[in-house]
């Protein structure tokens, strides 16, 4: 599955319990259509005691959420927006064209 949101993009959650929260994408999983966003969808894991004398503990970690539940925040205009593509001409060959992501609102390129 092709995803328009990539690692290190700033996104905002548009549905669910974390609606309105924003953060950067820590990990993208294109095969599942999911992303992991910093500080969003925090889950708790209880870890058992392994050795005598140690304590059990709780570990908090951000879980994956569906990419359709977030919108990209444009780095230029700072507004949640959809992502579009524009074709750039390549100087190598006539048949090779490069795709560039762009903001649908301000028409500026979104660079990694």
C-alpha atoms as a PDB file:
ATOM      1  CA  UNK A   1       0.000   0.000   0.000  1.00  0.00           C
ATOM      2  CA  UNK A   2       1.386   3.401  -0.989  1.00  0.00           C
ATOM      3  CA  UNK A   3       1.279   5.922   1.851  1.00  0.00           C
ATOM      4  CA  UNK A   4       1.443   9.697   1.478  1.00  0.00           C
ATOM      5  CA  UNK A   5       2.721  10.174   5.039  1.00  0.00           C
ATOM      6  CA  UNK A   6       6.316   9.274   5.822  1.00  0.00           C
ATOM      7  CA  UNK A   7       8.678   9.090   8.802  1.00  0.00           C
ATOM      8  CA  UNK A   8       9.488  12.454  10.488  1.00  0.00           C
ATOM      9  CA  UNK A   9       6.341  14.150   9.079  1.00  0.00           C
ATOM     10  CA  UNK A  10       4.316  16.277  11.504  1.00  0.00           C
ATOM     11  CA  UNK A  11       0.722  15.051  11.670  1.00  0.00           C
ATOM     12  CA  UNK A  12      -2.479  15.795  13.599  1.00  0.00           C
ATOM     13  CA  UNK A  13      -5.058  13.180  14.655  1.00  0.00           C
ATOM     14  CA  UNK A  14      -8.509  13.874  13.188  1.00  0.00           C
ATOM     15  CA  UNK A  15     -10.620  11.057  14.760  1.00  0.00           C
ATOM     16  CA  UNK A  16     -10.628   8.878  17.875  1.00  0.00           C
ATOM     17  CA  UNK A  17      -9.765   9.334  21.535  1.00  0.00           C
ATOM     18  CA  UNK A  18      -6.653  11.400  20.727  1.00  0.00           C
ATOM     19  CA  UNK A  19      -8.437  13.775  18.335  1.00  0.00           C
ATOM     20  CA  UNK A  20      -6.624  17.106  18.087  1.00  0.00           C
ATOM     21  CA  UNK A  21      -3.254  15.810  19.313  1.00  0.00           C
ATOM     22  CA  UNK A  22      -0.244  16.251  17.074  1.00  0.00           C
ATOM     23  CA  UNK A  23       3.215  14.760  16.861  1.00  0.00           C
ATOM     24  CA  UNK A  24       5.886  13.473  14.524  1.00  0.00           C
ATOM     25  CA  UNK A  25       5.745  10.107  12.810  1.00  0.00           C
ATOM     26  CA  UNK A  26       8.228   7.737  14.473  1.00  0.00           C
ATOM     27  CA  UNK A  27       7.594   4.765  12.205  1.00  0.00           C
ATOM     28  CA  UNK A  28       5.616   4.028   9.051  1.00  0.00           C
ATOM     29  CA  UNK A  29       4.309   0.515   8.272  1.00  0.00           C
ATOM     30  CA  UNK A  30       3.138   0.647   4.611  1.00  0.00           C
ATOM     31  CA  UNK A  31       2.238  -3.061   4.442  1.00  0.00           C
ATOM     32  CA  UNK A  32      -0.436  -2.541   7.129  1.00  0.00           C
ATOM     33  CA  UNK A  33      -1.288   1.076   6.312  1.00  0.00           C
ATOM     34  CA  UNK A  34      -0.366   2.171   9.833  1.00  0.00           C
ATOM     35  CA  UNK A  35       1.924   4.723  11.472  1.00  0.00           C
ATOM     36  CA  UNK A  36       3.309   5.268  14.977  1.00  0.00           C
ATOM     37  CA  UNK A  37       3.032   8.877  16.166  1.00  0.00           C
ATOM     38  CA  UNK A  38       4.988  10.283  19.086  1.00  0.00           C
ATOM     39  CA  UNK A  39       2.771  10.949  22.143  1.00  0.00           C
ATOM     40  CA  UNK A  40      -0.420   9.597  20.530  1.00  0.00           C
ATOM     41  CA  UNK A  41      -2.317   6.328  21.176  1.00  0.00           C
ATOM     42  CA  UNK A  42      -0.296   5.511  24.319  1.00  0.00           C
ATOM     43  CA  UNK A  43      -0.721   1.924  25.530  1.00  0.00           C
ATOM     44  CA  UNK A  44       0.385   0.267  28.782  1.00  0.00           C
ATOM     45  CA  UNK A  45       2.257  -3.010  29.054  1.00  0.00           C
ATOM     46  CA  UNK A  46       2.723  -4.730  32.417  1.00  0.00           C
ATOM     47  CA  UNK A  47       6.079  -6.492  32.754  1.00  0.00           C
ATOM     48  CA  UNK A  48       6.423  -9.404  35.149  1.00  0.00           C
ATOM     49  CA  UNK A  49       9.212  -9.904  37.640  1.00  0.00           C
ATOM     50  CA  UNK A  50      11.977 -12.024  36.074  1.00  0.00           C
ATOM     51  CA  UNK A  51      14.396 -12.402  38.977  1.00  0.00           C
ATOM     52  CA  UNK A  52      13.982 -12.435  42.727  1.00  0.00           C
ATOM     53  CA  UNK A  53      14.374  -8.981  44.246  1.00  0.00           C
ATOM     54  CA  UNK A  54      13.302  -7.085  41.129  1.00  0.00           C
ATOM     55  CA  UNK A  55      10.033  -5.206  40.804  1.00  0.00           C
ATOM     56  CA  UNK A  56       7.388  -5.524  38.160  1.00  0.00           C
ATOM     57  CA  UNK A  57       6.781  -2.404  36.113  1.00  0.00           C
ATOM     58  CA  UNK A  58       4.491  -0.670  33.679  1.00  0.00           C
ATOM     59  CA  UNK A  59       5.832   0.342  30.289  1.00  0.00           C
ATOM     60  CA  UNK A  60       4.062   3.059  28.296  1.00  0.00           C
ATOM     61  CA  UNK A  61       4.548   3.071  24.512  1.00  0.00           C
ATOM     62  CA  UNK A  62       2.868   4.624  21.455  1.00  0.00           C
ATOM     63  CA  UNK A  63       0.907   2.023  19.479  1.00  0.00           C
ATOM     64  CA  UNK A  64       0.259   2.102  15.736  1.00  0.00           C
ATOM     65  CA  UNK A  65      -2.829   3.801  14.335  1.00  0.00           C
ATOM     66  CA  UNK A  66      -4.349   3.803  10.881  1.00  0.00           C
ATOM     67  CA  UNK A  67      -2.929   6.339   8.451  1.00  0.00           C
ATOM     68  CA  UNK A  68      -6.458   7.446   7.483  1.00  0.00           C
ATOM     69  CA  UNK A  69      -6.979   8.813  11.011  1.00  0.00           C
ATOM     70  CA  UNK A  70      -4.342  11.542  10.647  1.00  0.00           C
ATOM     71  CA  UNK A  71      -3.682  14.560   8.423  1.00  0.00           C
ATOM     72  CA  UNK A  72      -0.317  15.968   7.473  1.00  0.00           C
ATOM     73  CA  UNK A  73       0.529  19.424   8.852  1.00  0.00           C
ATOM     74  CA  UNK A  74       2.138  21.493   6.092  1.00  0.00           C
ATOM     75  CA  UNK A  75       5.579  22.791   7.162  1.00  0.00           C
ATOM     76  CA  UNK A  76       5.096  25.983   5.107  1.00  0.00           C
ATOM     77  CA  UNK A  77       1.554  27.133   5.984  1.00  0.00           C
ATOM     78  CA  UNK A  78       1.147  25.159   9.256  1.00  0.00           C
ATOM     79  CA  UNK A  79      -2.365  23.941   8.391  1.00  0.00           C
ATOM     80  CA  UNK A  80      -3.594  20.310   8.347  1.00  0.00           C
ATOM     81  CA  UNK A  81      -3.842  19.424   4.686  1.00  0.00           C
ATOM     82  CA  UNK A  82      -4.138  16.653   2.145  1.00  0.00           C
ATOM     83  CA  UNK A  83      -1.083  15.549   0.210  1.00  0.00           C
ATOM     84  CA  UNK A  84      -0.852  15.798  -3.559  1.00  0.00           C
ATOM     85  CA  UNK A  85       1.834  14.904  -6.050  1.00  0.00           C
ATOM     86  CA  UNK A  86       3.415  16.785  -8.922  1.00  0.00           C
ATOM     87  CA  UNK A  87       5.724  15.357 -11.533  1.00  0.00           C
ATOM     88  CA  UNK A  88       9.214  16.820 -11.821  1.00  0.00           C
ATOM     89  CA  UNK A  89      11.157  16.498 -15.052  1.00  0.00           C
ATOM     90  CA  UNK A  90      14.348  14.505 -14.730  1.00  0.00           C
ATOM     91  CA  UNK A  91      17.420  15.364 -16.797  1.00  0.00           C
ATOM     92  CA  UNK A  92      18.584  11.737 -16.956  1.00  0.00           C
ATOM     93  CA  UNK A  93      16.071  10.339 -19.402  1.00  0.00           C
ATOM     94  CA  UNK A  94      12.829  11.245 -21.081  1.00  0.00           C
ATOM     95  CA  UNK A  95      10.910   8.344 -19.541  1.00  0.00           C
ATOM     96  CA  UNK A  96      12.065   8.944 -15.959  1.00  0.00           C
ATOM     97  CA  UNK A  97       9.984  11.439 -14.038  1.00  0.00           C
ATOM     98  CA  UNK A  98      10.260  12.079 -10.325  1.00  0.00           C
ATOM     99  CA  UNK A  99       7.225  12.565  -8.073  1.00  0.00           C
ATOM    100  CA  UNK A 100       7.284  15.312  -5.469  1.00  0.00           C
ATOM    101  CA  UNK A 101       4.811  15.643  -2.578  1.00  0.00           C
ATOM    102  CA  UNK A 102       2.989  18.956  -2.273  1.00  0.00           C
ATOM    103  CA  UNK A 103       0.493  20.688   0.012  1.00  0.00           C
ATOM    104  CA  UNK A 104      -2.987  20.857  -1.531  1.00  0.00           C
ATOM    105  CA  UNK A 105      -3.704  24.230   0.116  1.00  0.00           C
ATOM    106  CA  UNK A 106      -0.579  26.350  -0.505  1.00  0.00           C
ATOM    107  CA  UNK A 107       0.830  24.298  -3.430  1.00  0.00           C
ATOM    108  CA  UNK A 108       4.303  24.287  -1.830  1.00  0.00           C
ATOM    109  CA  UNK A 109       6.517  21.172  -1.931  1.00  0.00           C
ATOM    110  CA  UNK A 110       6.800  19.045   1.208  1.00  0.00           C
ATOM    111  CA  UNK A 111      10.444  18.077   1.559  1.00  0.00           C
ATOM    112  CA  UNK A 112      11.877  15.318   3.713  1.00  0.00           C
END
